[in-house]
Amino acid sequence: MSGDRPSLRTQVASAVIRVGLGVELVSASGDVLAEVFRCDADHTVTFSAFVAAFPLDEVRMLIERALDQLDPFEDGTPLIPVNQSVDQ
């Protein structure tokens, strides 16, 4: 993580009611600061922040881990279509 908040970590969490899987950014005290959530019901991926602000490098790290750990959707569909890049 960043030098400012070295105690942050990520965890993967399943959400049965929301029909999907998320990667959460968690503080040392166990508070969830942000999440990237993969909804298998409608094939969407969302980012949610639960605090006012934190460094961009931590957002980037969370998104990179989510892309790695949440791909593909439950039915095998890739998170990002083959003909599309993350930068588009």
Protein backbone atom coordinates (compact mmCIF):
# COMPACT_ATOMS: atom_id res chain seq x y z
CA MET A 1 0.00 0.00 0.00
CA SER A 2 1.02 3.63 0.13
CA GLY A 3 3.46 5.12 2.63
CA ASP A 4 0.65 7.24 4.09
CA ARG A 5 -1.54 4.30 5.09
CA PRO A 6 0.59 1.17 5.25
CA SER A 7 -2.00 -0.79 7.22
CA LEU A 8 -4.57 -0.96 4.43
CA ARG A 9 -5.36 -4.35 2.92
CA THR A 10 -7.81 -5.85 0.47
CA GLN A 11 -10.20 -8.72 0.93
CA VAL A 12 -12.62 -10.55 -1.32
CA ALA A 13 -16.23 -10.66 -0.12
CA SER A 14 -19.19 -12.60 -1.48
CA ALA A 15 -22.61 -10.94 -1.51
CA VAL A 16 -25.43 -13.46 -1.97
CA ILE A 17 -28.23 -10.88 -1.79
CA ARG A 18 -26.47 -8.58 -4.27
CA VAL A 19 -25.58 -11.59 -6.48
CA GLY A 20 -21.89 -11.00 -6.87
CA LEU A 21 -18.41 -10.67 -5.51
CA GLY A 22 -16.40 -7.68 -4.37
CA VAL A 23 -12.86 -6.67 -3.53
CA GLU A 24 -12.82 -4.34 -0.54
CA LEU A 25 -10.18 -1.88 0.68
CA VAL A 26 -10.04 -2.32 4.46
CA SER A 27 -8.38 -0.22 7.18
CA ALA A 28 -6.35 -1.61 10.09
CA SER A 29 -9.42 -1.24 12.31
CA GLY A 30 -11.51 -3.34 9.90
CA ASP A 31 -13.52 -0.52 8.31
CA VAL A 32 -14.34 -0.99 4.62
CA LEU A 33 -13.16 2.18 2.88
CA ALA A 34 -14.09 1.27 -0.70
CA GLU A 35 -15.08 -1.63 -2.90
CA VAL A 36 -15.16 -2.78 -6.47
CA PHE A 37 -18.21 -5.01 -6.92
CA ARG A 38 -18.94 -7.49 -9.71
CA CYS A 39 -22.67 -8.09 -10.12
CA ASP A 40 -23.26 -11.43 -11.82
CA ALA A 41 -27.00 -10.75 -12.25
CA ASP A 42 -26.57 -7.86 -14.70
CA HIS A 43 -22.86 -8.06 -15.65
CA THR A 44 -21.90 -4.71 -14.15
CA VAL A 45 -18.83 -3.66 -12.21
CA THR A 46 -19.11 -0.71 -9.81
CA PHE A 47 -16.77 1.27 -7.57
CA SER A 48 -18.03 2.63 -4.24
CA ALA A 49 -16.14 4.78 -1.72
CA PHE A 50 -17.32 4.85 1.89
CA VAL A 51 -14.99 7.64 3.08
CA ALA A 52 -14.59 11.19 1.80
CA ALA A 53 -11.09 10.83 0.37
CA PHE A 54 -8.00 8.66 0.12
CA PRO A 55 -4.96 8.64 -2.18
CA LEU A 56 -5.40 7.87 -5.87
CA ASP A 57 -2.66 5.22 -5.76
CA GLU A 58 -4.80 3.21 -3.32
CA VAL A 59 -7.83 3.50 -5.62
CA ARG A 60 -5.67 2.32 -8.52
CA MET A 61 -4.34 -0.61 -6.47
CA LEU A 62 -7.88 -1.62 -5.48
CA ILE A 63 -9.09 -1.52 -9.09
CA GLU A 64 -6.08 -3.51 -10.33
CA ARG A 65 -6.62 -6.20 -7.70
CA ALA A 66 -10.33 -6.30 -8.49
CA LEU A 67 -9.68 -6.75 -12.20
CA ASP A 68 -7.34 -9.61 -11.35
CA GLN A 69 -9.49 -11.32 -8.71
CA LEU A 70 -13.02 -10.74 -10.05
CA ASP A 71 -12.47 -11.72 -13.69
CA PRO A 72 -14.47 -13.40 -15.19
CA PHE A 73 -18.15 -13.12 -14.29
CA GLU A 74 -19.68 -16.26 -12.81
CA ASP A 75 -20.86 -17.47 -16.24
CA GLY A 76 -17.37 -17.09 -17.75
CA THR A 77 -17.96 -13.76 -19.51
CA PRO A 78 -14.84 -11.56 -19.19
CA LEU A 79 -15.15 -8.36 -17.13
CA ILE A 80 -13.66 -6.40 -20.01
CA PRO A 81 -14.58 -7.55 -23.52
CA VAL A 82 -11.60 -8.75 -25.59
CA ASN A 83 -11.97 -5.85 -28.05
CA GLN A 84 -11.99 -3.20 -25.28
CA SER A 85 -9.17 -2.03 -23.01
CA VAL A 86 -9.33 -0.71 -19.44
CA ASP A 87 -8.34 2.74 -20.75
CA GLN A 88 -11.39 3.13 -23.02
